[in-house]
Amino acid sequence: MILITAPWILLCIPAILVAEHFGWTQIPFHLTQLIATALCLISCSVFLVATRASKFGLWQWLASLSLTACILWLGFVGYALGSYSGPGP
């Protein structure tokens, strides 16, 4: 799951920028990116808990990095939505 959702999250970023540039709708990219972020967060957490007794190797580093990036991304989204004051006058 991590190997599917993490690249999707990263690939949505340029797709959103391209869609914004050409005036296309960005909603599918935003929604699937948010869903992929939630799935990646859950799968990384489950993987790290399931492998906590084994040696901390490359896969655990990848899962930790993905988990940190997901938490930071969700924090940024929460901050952006929390500080949005709506359209101007």
PDB file of N, CA and C in Angstrom:
ATOM      1  N   MET A   1       0.825  -1.187   0.000  1.00  0.00           N
ATOM      2  CA  MET A   1       0.000   0.000   0.000  1.00  0.00           C
ATOM      3  C   MET A   1       0.876   1.260   0.000  1.00  0.00           C
ATOM      4  N   ILE A   2       1.972   1.203   0.755  1.00  0.00           N
ATOM      5  CA  ILE A   2       2.874   2.356   0.818  1.00  0.00           C
ATOM      6  C   ILE A   2       3.472   2.638  -0.554  1.00  0.00           C
ATOM      7  N   LEU A   3       3.814   1.572  -1.268  1.00  0.00           N
ATOM      8  CA  LEU A   3       4.449   1.745  -2.578  1.00  0.00           C
ATOM      9  C   LEU A   3       3.487   2.291  -3.631  1.00  0.00           C
ATOM     10  N   ILE A   4       2.201   2.223  -3.377  1.00  0.00           N
ATOM     11  CA  ILE A   4       1.209   2.770  -4.306  1.00  0.00           C
ATOM     12  C   ILE A   4       0.825   4.191  -3.912  1.00  0.00           C
ATOM     13  N   THR A   5       0.554   4.392  -2.624  1.00  0.00           N
ATOM     14  CA  THR A   5       0.026   5.693  -2.195  1.00  0.00           C
ATOM     15  C   THR A   5       1.084   6.783  -2.141  1.00  0.00           C
ATOM     16  N   ALA A   6       2.289   6.471  -1.699  1.00  0.00           N
ATOM     17  CA  ALA A   6       3.321   7.505  -1.589  1.00  0.00           C
ATOM     18  C   ALA A   6       3.667   8.134  -2.950  1.00  0.00           C
ATOM     19  N   PRO A   7       3.903   7.342  -4.005  1.00  0.00           N
ATOM     20  CA  PRO A   7       4.145   7.984  -5.304  1.00  0.00           C
ATOM     21  C   PRO A   7       2.926   8.758  -5.819  1.00  0.00           C
ATOM     22  N   TRP A   8       1.719   8.250  -5.533  1.00  0.00           N
ATOM     23  CA  TRP A   8       0.516   8.956  -5.996  1.00  0.00           C
ATOM     24  C   TRP A   8       0.424  10.341  -5.356  1.00  0.00           C
ATOM     25  N   ILE A   9       0.737  10.414  -4.071  1.00  0.00           N
ATOM     26  CA  ILE A   9       0.718  11.698  -3.372  1.00  0.00           C
ATOM     27  C   ILE A   9       1.685  12.670  -4.037  1.00  0.00           C
ATOM     28  N   LEU A  10       2.874  12.194  -4.348  1.00  0.00           N
ATOM     29  CA  LEU A  10       3.879  13.057  -4.968  1.00  0.00           C
ATOM     30  C   LEU A  10       3.525  13.427  -6.403  1.00  0.00           C
ATOM     31  N   LEU A  11       2.914  12.503  -7.142  1.00  0.00           N
ATOM     32  CA  LEU A  11       2.548  12.782  -8.534  1.00  0.00           C
ATOM     33  C   LEU A  11       1.352  13.726  -8.651  1.00  0.00           C
ATOM     34  N   CYS A  12       0.554  13.805  -7.612  1.00  0.00           N
ATOM     35  CA  CYS A  12      -0.588  14.735  -7.637  1.00  0.00           C
ATOM     36  C   CYS A  12      -0.134  16.192  -7.583  1.00  0.00           C
ATOM     37  N   ILE A  13       1.018  16.452  -6.998  1.00  0.00           N
ATOM     38  CA  ILE A  13       1.488  17.832  -6.867  1.00  0.00           C
ATOM     39  C   ILE A  13       1.690  18.482  -8.232  1.00  0.00           C
ATOM     40  N   PRO A  14       2.490  17.892  -9.156  1.00  0.00           N
ATOM     41  CA  PRO A  14       2.608  18.536 -10.471  1.00  0.00           C
ATOM     42  C   PRO A  14       1.312  18.490 -11.268  1.00  0.00           C
ATOM     43  N   ALA A  15       0.503  17.440 -11.056  1.00  0.00           N
ATOM     44  CA  ALA A  15      -0.783  17.359 -11.771  1.00  0.00           C
ATOM     45  C   ALA A  15      -1.693  18.518 -11.365  1.00  0.00           C
ATOM     46  N   ILE A  16      -1.693  18.870 -10.091  1.00  0.00           N
ATOM     47  CA  ILE A  16      -2.501  19.995  -9.623  1.00  0.00           C
ATOM     48  C   ILE A  16      -1.980  21.300 -10.222  1.00  0.00           C
ATOM     49  N   LEU A  17      -0.674  21.441 -10.282  1.00  0.00           N
ATOM     50  CA  LEU A  17      -0.101  22.662 -10.864  1.00  0.00           C
ATOM     51  C   LEU A  17      -0.417  22.792 -12.352  1.00  0.00           C
ATOM     52  N   VAL A  18      -0.363  21.682 -13.072  1.00  0.00           N
ATOM     53  CA  VAL A  18      -0.707  21.700 -14.492  1.00  0.00           C
ATOM     54  C   VAL A  18      -2.187  22.021 -14.681  1.00  0.00           C
ATOM     55  N   ALA A  19      -3.036  21.391 -13.874  1.00  0.00           N
ATOM     56  CA  ALA A  19      -4.471  21.658 -13.967  1.00  0.00           C
ATOM     57  C   ALA A  19      -4.779  23.120 -13.645  1.00  0.00           C
ATOM     58  N   GLU A  20      -4.091  23.678 -12.676  1.00  0.00           N
ATOM     59  CA  GLU A  20      -4.290  25.085 -12.338  1.00  0.00           C
ATOM     60  C   GLU A  20      -3.844  25.988 -13.475  1.00  0.00           C
ATOM     61  N   HIS A  21      -2.741  25.646 -14.102  1.00  0.00           N
ATOM     62  CA  HIS A  21      -2.221  26.451 -15.209  1.00  0.00           C
ATOM     63  C   HIS A  21      -3.190  26.483 -16.395  1.00  0.00           C
ATOM     64  N   PHE A  22      -3.766  25.343 -16.731  1.00  0.00           N
ATOM     65  CA  PHE A  22      -4.651  25.260 -17.886  1.00  0.00           C
ATOM     66  C   PHE A  22      -6.119  25.531 -17.553  1.00  0.00           C
ATOM     67  N   GLY A  23      -6.417  25.790 -16.300  1.00  0.00           N
ATOM     68  CA  GLY A  23      -7.790  26.103 -15.906  1.00  0.00           C
ATOM     69  C   GLY A  23      -8.689  24.885 -15.792  1.00  0.00           C
ATOM     70  N   TRP A  24      -8.107  23.706 -15.679  1.00  0.00           N
ATOM     71  CA  TRP A  24      -8.889  22.486 -15.526  1.00  0.00           C
ATOM     72  C   TRP A  24      -9.309  22.330 -14.069  1.00  0.00           C
ATOM     73  N   THR A  25     -10.255  21.436 -13.834  1.00  0.00           N
ATOM     74  CA  THR A  25     -10.694  21.182 -12.463  1.00  0.00           C
ATOM     75  C   THR A  25      -9.612  20.413 -11.708  1.00  0.00           C
ATOM     76  N   GLN A  26      -9.407  20.802 -10.460  1.00  0.00           N
ATOM     77  CA  GLN A  26      -8.377  20.184  -9.624  1.00  0.00           C
ATOM     78  C   GLN A  26      -8.972  19.255  -8.572  1.00  0.00           C
ATOM     79  N   ILE A  27     -10.289  19.222  -8.483  1.00  0.00           N
ATOM     80  CA  ILE A  27     -10.964  18.483  -7.415  1.00  0.00           C
ATOM     81  C   ILE A  27     -10.580  16.997  -7.385  1.00  0.00           C
ATOM     82  N   PRO A  28     -10.530  16.290  -8.528  1.00  0.00           N
ATOM     83  CA  PRO A  28     -10.160  14.862  -8.446  1.00  0.00           C
ATOM     84  C   PRO A  28      -8.755  14.644  -7.870  1.00  0.00           C
ATOM     85  N   PHE A  29      -7.836  15.526  -8.213  1.00  0.00           N
ATOM     86  CA  PHE A  29      -6.471  15.384  -7.698  1.00  0.00           C
ATOM     87  C   PHE A  29      -6.416  15.655  -6.198  1.00  0.00           C
ATOM     88  N   HIS A  30      -7.111  16.699  -5.750  1.00  0.00           N
ATOM     89  CA  HIS A  30      -7.118  17.016  -4.323  1.00  0.00           C
ATOM     90  C   HIS A  30      -7.763  15.903  -3.510  1.00  0.00           C
ATOM     91  N   LEU A  31      -8.886  15.387  -3.983  1.00  0.00           N
ATOM     92  CA  LEU A  31      -9.578  14.331  -3.238  1.00  0.00           C
ATOM     93  C   LEU A  31      -8.776  13.037  -3.191  1.00  0.00           C
ATOM     94  N   THR A  32      -8.243  12.613  -4.338  1.00  0.00           N
ATOM     95  CA  THR A  32      -7.481  11.366  -4.338  1.00  0.00           C
ATOM     96  C   THR A  32      -6.173  11.522  -3.571  1.00  0.00           C
ATOM     97  N   GLN A  33      -5.595  12.713  -3.581  1.00  0.00           N
ATOM     98  CA  GLN A  33      -4.375  12.937  -2.809  1.00  0.00           C
ATOM     99  C   GLN A  33      -4.667  12.857  -1.311  1.00  0.00           C
ATOM    100  N   LEU A  34      -5.786  13.399  -0.884  1.00  0.00           N
ATOM    101  CA  LEU A  34      -6.153  13.329   0.528  1.00  0.00           C
ATOM    102  C   LEU A  34      -6.447  11.892   0.947  1.00  0.00           C
ATOM    103  N   ILE A  35      -7.144  11.147   0.109  1.00  0.00           N
ATOM    104  CA  ILE A  35      -7.421   9.740   0.405  1.00  0.00           C
ATOM    105  C   ILE A  35      -6.126   8.933   0.439  1.00  0.00           C
ATOM    106  N   ALA A  36      -5.236   9.169  -0.525  1.00  0.00           N
ATOM    107  CA  ALA A  36      -3.961   8.455  -0.561  1.00  0.00           C
ATOM    108  C   ALA A  36      -3.111   8.798   0.657  1.00  0.00           C
ATOM    109  N   THR A  37      -3.166  10.039   1.113  1.00  0.00           N
ATOM    110  CA  THR A  37      -2.412  10.439   2.299  1.00  0.00           C
ATOM    111  C   THR A  37      -2.925   9.707   3.539  1.00  0.00           C
ATOM    112  N   ALA A  38      -4.231   9.617   3.677  1.00  0.00           N
ATOM    113  CA  ALA A  38      -4.806   8.893   4.817  1.00  0.00           C
ATOM    114  C   ALA A  38      -4.437   7.408   4.763  1.00  0.00           C
ATOM    115  N   LEU A  39      -4.530   6.798   3.586  1.00  0.00           N
ATOM    116  CA  LEU A  39      -4.171   5.388   3.442  1.00  0.00           C
ATOM    117  C   LEU A  39      -2.691   5.151   3.707  1.00  0.00           C
ATOM    118  N   CYS A  40      -1.860   6.058   3.233  1.00  0.00           N
ATOM    119  CA  CYS A  40      -0.422   5.938   3.453  1.00  0.00           C
ATOM    120  C   CYS A  40      -0.095   6.083   4.934  1.00  0.00           C
ATOM    121  N   LEU A  41      -0.753   7.006   5.603  1.00  0.00           N
ATOM    122  CA  LEU A  41      -0.549   7.209   7.035  1.00  0.00           C
ATOM    123  C   LEU A  41      -0.901   5.941   7.809  1.00  0.00           C
ATOM    124  N   ILE A  42      -2.030   5.347   7.470  1.00  0.00           N
ATOM    125  CA  ILE A  42      -2.469   4.122   8.156  1.00  0.00           C
ATOM    126  C   ILE A  42      -1.537   2.960   7.840  1.00  0.00           C
ATOM    127  N   SER A  43      -1.196   2.789   6.567  1.00  0.00           N
ATOM    128  CA  SER A  43      -0.365   1.631   6.200  1.00  0.00           C
ATOM    129  C   SER A  43       1.058   1.756   6.755  1.00  0.00           C
ATOM    130  N   CYS A  44       1.599   2.961   6.801  1.00  0.00           N
ATOM    131  CA  CYS A  44       2.926   3.149   7.389  1.00  0.00           C
ATOM    132  C   CYS A  44       2.902   2.835   8.883  1.00  0.00           C
ATOM    133  N   SER A  45       1.866   3.310   9.557  1.00  0.00           N
ATOM    134  CA  SER A  45       1.751   3.053  10.989  1.00  0.00           C
ATOM    135  C   SER A  45       1.623   1.557  11.275  1.00  0.00           C
ATOM    136  N   VAL A  46       0.772   0.881  10.526  1.00  0.00           N
ATOM    137  CA  VAL A  46       0.587  -0.567  10.722  1.00  0.00           C
ATOM    138  C   VAL A  46       1.880  -1.312  10.421  1.00  0.00           C
ATOM    139  N   PHE A  47       2.569  -0.935   9.354  1.00  0.00           N
ATOM    140  CA  PHE A  47       3.822  -1.601   8.996  1.00  0.00           C
ATOM    141  C   PHE A  47       4.872  -1.406  10.084  1.00  0.00           C
ATOM    142  N   LEU A  48       5.006  -0.182  10.578  1.00  0.00           N
ATOM    143  CA  LEU A  48       6.020   0.072  11.599  1.00  0.00           C
ATOM    144  C   LEU A  48       5.701  -0.645  12.913  1.00  0.00           C
ATOM    145  N   VAL A  49       4.434  -0.719  13.257  1.00  0.00           N
ATOM    146  CA  VAL A  49       4.054  -1.446  14.474  1.00  0.00           C
ATOM    147  C   VAL A  49       4.275  -2.951  14.282  1.00  0.00           C
ATOM    148  N   ALA A  50       3.946  -3.455  13.109  1.00  0.00           N
ATOM    149  CA  ALA A  50       4.085  -4.895  12.852  1.00  0.00           C
ATOM    150  C   ALA A  50       5.546  -5.338  12.798  1.00  0.00           C
ATOM    151  N   THR A  51       6.442  -4.441  12.409  1.00  0.00           N
ATOM    152  CA  THR A  51       7.852  -4.816  12.270  1.00  0.00           C
ATOM    153  C   THR A  51       8.730  -4.203  13.357  1.00  0.00           C
ATOM    154  N   ARG A  52       8.135  -3.802  14.460  1.00  0.00           N
ATOM    155  CA  ARG A  52       8.912  -3.126  15.497  1.00  0.00           C
ATOM    156  C   ARG A  52       9.930  -4.043  16.172  1.00  0.00           C
ATOM    157  N   ALA A  53       9.724  -5.340  16.134  1.00  0.00           N
ATOM    158  CA  ALA A  53      10.656  -6.271  16.766  1.00  0.00           C
ATOM    159  C   ALA A  53      11.850  -6.591  15.871  1.00  0.00           C
ATOM    160  N   SER A  54      11.738  -6.300  14.577  1.00  0.00           N
ATOM    161  CA  SER A  54      12.834  -6.628  13.657  1.00  0.00           C
ATOM    162  C   SER A  54      13.828  -5.472  13.577  1.00  0.00           C
ATOM    163  N   LYS A  55      14.942  -5.747  12.909  1.00  0.00           N
ATOM    164  CA  LYS A  55      15.988  -4.739  12.737  1.00  0.00           C
ATOM    165  C   LYS A  55      15.449  -3.586  11.886  1.00  0.00           C
ATOM    166  N   PHE A  56      15.830  -2.365  12.257  1.00  0.00           N
ATOM    167  CA  PHE A  56      15.364  -1.177  11.555  1.00  0.00           C
ATOM    168  C   PHE A  56      16.160  -1.045  10.256  1.00  0.00           C
ATOM    169  N   GLY A  57      15.541  -1.464   9.144  1.00  0.00           N
ATOM    170  CA  GLY A  57      16.228  -1.487   7.862  1.00  0.00           C
ATOM    171  C   GLY A  57      15.686  -0.447   6.893  1.00  0.00           C
ATOM    172  N   LEU A  58      15.939  -0.681   5.629  1.00  0.00           N
ATOM    173  CA  LEU A  58      15.565   0.257   4.582  1.00  0.00           C
ATOM    174  C   LEU A  58      14.060   0.473   4.514  1.00  0.00           C
ATOM    175  N   TRP A  59      13.286  -0.610   4.631  1.00  0.00           N
ATOM    176  CA  TRP A  59      11.827  -0.477   4.541  1.00  0.00           C
ATOM    177  C   TRP A  59      11.248   0.303   5.717  1.00  0.00           C
ATOM    178  N   GLN A  60      11.836   0.129   6.875  1.00  0.00           N
ATOM    179  CA  GLN A  60      11.374   0.890   8.027  1.00  0.00           C
ATOM    180  C   GLN A  60      11.723   2.377   7.887  1.00  0.00           C
ATOM    181  N   TRP A  61      12.882   2.661   7.304  1.00  0.00           N
ATOM    182  CA  TRP A  61      13.246   4.056   7.049  1.00  0.00           C
ATOM    183  C   TRP A  61      12.296   4.682   6.041  1.00  0.00           C
ATOM    184  N   LEU A  62      11.964   3.939   4.987  1.00  0.00           N
ATOM    185  CA  LEU A  62      11.027   4.434   3.985  1.00  0.00           C
ATOM    186  C   LEU A  62       9.650   4.685   4.597  1.00  0.00           C
ATOM    187  N   ALA A  63       9.199   3.761   5.420  1.00  0.00           N
ATOM    188  CA  ALA A  63       7.901   3.930   6.074  1.00  0.00           C
ATOM    189  C   ALA A  63       7.932   5.106   7.048  1.00  0.00           C
ATOM    190  N   SER A  64       9.027   5.271   7.769  1.00  0.00           N
ATOM    191  CA  SER A  64       9.145   6.401   8.697  1.00  0.00           C
ATOM    192  C   SER A  64       9.160   7.725   7.963  1.00  0.00           C
ATOM    193  N   LEU A  65       9.884   7.778   6.869  1.00  0.00           N
ATOM    194  CA  LEU A  65       9.934   8.997   6.058  1.00  0.00           C
ATOM    195  C   LEU A  65       8.561   9.312   5.466  1.00  0.00           C
ATOM    196  N   SER A  66       7.882   8.297   4.971  1.00  0.00           N
ATOM    197  CA  SER A  66       6.535   8.489   4.417  1.00  0.00           C
ATOM    198  C   SER A  66       5.554   8.922   5.500  1.00  0.00           C
ATOM    199  N   LEU A  67       5.653   8.324   6.673  1.00  0.00           N
ATOM    200  CA  LEU A  67       4.774   8.689   7.780  1.00  0.00           C
ATOM    201  C   LEU A  67       4.998  10.143   8.197  1.00  0.00           C
ATOM    202  N   THR A  68       6.249  10.546   8.286  1.00  0.00           N
ATOM    203  CA  THR A  68       6.559  11.935   8.645  1.00  0.00           C
ATOM    204  C   THR A  68       6.045  12.898   7.591  1.00  0.00           C
ATOM    205  N   ALA A  69       6.249  12.572   6.326  1.00  0.00           N
ATOM    206  CA  ALA A  69       5.771  13.441   5.247  1.00  0.00           C
ATOM    207  C   ALA A  69       4.245  13.541   5.249  1.00  0.00           C
ATOM    208  N   CYS A  70       3.554  12.439   5.507  1.00  0.00           N
ATOM    209  CA  CYS A  70       2.091  12.459   5.563  1.00  0.00           C
ATOM    210  C   CYS A  70       1.591  13.328   6.718  1.00  0.00           C
ATOM    211  N   ILE A  71       2.226  13.193   7.874  1.00  0.00           N
ATOM    212  CA  ILE A  71       1.818  14.000   9.025  1.00  0.00           C
ATOM    213  C   ILE A  71       2.052  15.475   8.754  1.00  0.00           C
ATOM    214  N   LEU A  72       3.196  15.802   8.158  1.00  0.00           N
ATOM    215  CA  LEU A  72       3.476  17.203   7.826  1.00  0.00           C
ATOM    216  C   LEU A  72       2.490  17.731   6.786  1.00  0.00           C
ATOM    217  N   TRP A  73       2.165  16.913   5.791  1.00  0.00           N
ATOM    218  CA  TRP A  73       1.223  17.337   4.755  1.00  0.00           C
ATOM    219  C   TRP A  73      -0.164  17.572   5.332  1.00  0.00           C
ATOM    220  N   LEU A  74      -0.630  16.663   6.178  1.00  0.00           N
ATOM    221  CA  LEU A  74      -1.940  16.840   6.795  1.00  0.00           C
ATOM    222  C   LEU A  74      -1.949  18.048   7.737  1.00  0.00           C
ATOM    223  N   GLY A  75      -0.822  18.297   8.402  1.00  0.00           N
ATOM    224  CA  GLY A  75      -0.709  19.494   9.233  1.00  0.00           C
ATOM    225  C   GLY A  75      -0.792  20.759   8.401  1.00  0.00           C
ATOM    226  N   PHE A  76      -0.140  20.758   7.243  1.00  0.00           N
ATOM    227  CA  PHE A  76      -0.202  21.909   6.346  1.00  0.00           C
ATOM    228  C   PHE A  76      -1.621  22.129   5.829  1.00  0.00           C
ATOM    229  N   VAL A  77      -2.282  21.056   5.442  1.00  0.00           N
ATOM    230  CA  VAL A  77      -3.666  21.169   4.954  1.00  0.00           C
ATOM    231  C   VAL A  77      -4.569  21.694   6.066  1.00  0.00           C
ATOM    232  N   GLY A  78      -4.390  21.195   7.283  1.00  0.00           N
ATOM    233  CA  GLY A  78      -5.171  21.686   8.413  1.00  0.00           C
ATOM    234  C   GLY A  78      -4.921  23.156   8.689  1.00  0.00           C
ATOM    235  N   TYR A  79      -3.668  23.561   8.600  1.00  0.00           N
ATOM    236  CA  TYR A  79      -3.331  24.976   8.808  1.00  0.00           C
ATOM    237  C   TYR A  79      -3.949  25.838   7.704  1.00  0.00           C
ATOM    238  N   ALA A  80      -3.831  25.396   6.460  1.00  0.00           N
ATOM    239  CA  ALA A  80      -4.367  26.173   5.348  1.00  0.00           C
ATOM    240  C   ALA A  80      -5.889  26.304   5.443  1.00  0.00           C
ATOM    241  N   LEU A  81      -6.570  25.218   5.799  1.00  0.00           N
ATOM    242  CA  LEU A  81      -8.029  25.293   5.942  1.00  0.00           C
ATOM    243  C   LEU A  81      -8.425  26.101   7.172  1.00  0.00           C
ATOM    244  N   GLY A  82      -7.647  26.017   8.230  1.00  0.00           N
ATOM    245  CA  GLY A  82      -7.961  26.765   9.438  1.00  0.00           C
ATOM    246  C   GLY A  82      -7.725  28.258   9.321  1.00  0.00           C
ATOM    247  N   SER A  83      -6.779  28.637   8.480  1.00  0.00           N
ATOM    248  CA  SER A  83      -6.460  30.061   8.348  1.00  0.00           C
ATOM    249  C   SER A  83      -7.168  30.704   7.164  1.00  0.00           C
ATOM    250  N   TYR A  84      -7.942  29.957   6.396  1.00  0.00           N
ATOM    251  CA  TYR A  84      -8.650  30.505   5.255  1.00  0.00           C
ATOM    252  C   TYR A  84      -9.826  31.344   5.738  1.00  0.00           C
ATOM    253  N   SER A  85      -9.876  32.571   5.287  1.00  0.00           N
ATOM    254  CA  SER A  85     -10.936  33.466   5.751  1.00  0.00           C
ATOM    255  C   SER A  85     -12.026  33.660   4.712  1.00  0.00           C
ATOM    256  N   GLY A  86     -11.982  32.916   3.644  1.00  0.00           N
ATOM    257  CA  GLY A  86     -13.022  33.031   2.608  1.00  0.00           C
ATOM    258  C   GLY A  86     -12.632  34.035   1.539  1.00  0.00           C
ATOM    259  N   PRO A  87     -13.448  34.127   0.513  1.00  0.00           N
ATOM    260  CA  PRO A  87     -13.149  35.067  -0.556  1.00  0.00           C
ATOM    261  C   PRO A  87     -13.193  36.515  -0.063  1.00  0.00           C
ATOM    262  N   GLY A  88     -12.424  37.338  -0.714  1.00  0.00           N
ATOM    263  CA  GLY A  88     -12.342  38.753  -0.344  1.00  0.00           C
ATOM    264  C   GLY A  88     -13.644  39.496  -0.617  1.00  0.00           C
ATOM    265  N   PRO A  89     -13.672  40.754  -0.219  1.00  0.00           N
ATOM    266  CA  PRO A  89     -14.911  41.541  -0.373  1.00  0.00           C
ATOM    267  C   PRO A  89     -15.316  41.774  -1.774  1.00  0.00           C
TER     268      PRO A  89
END
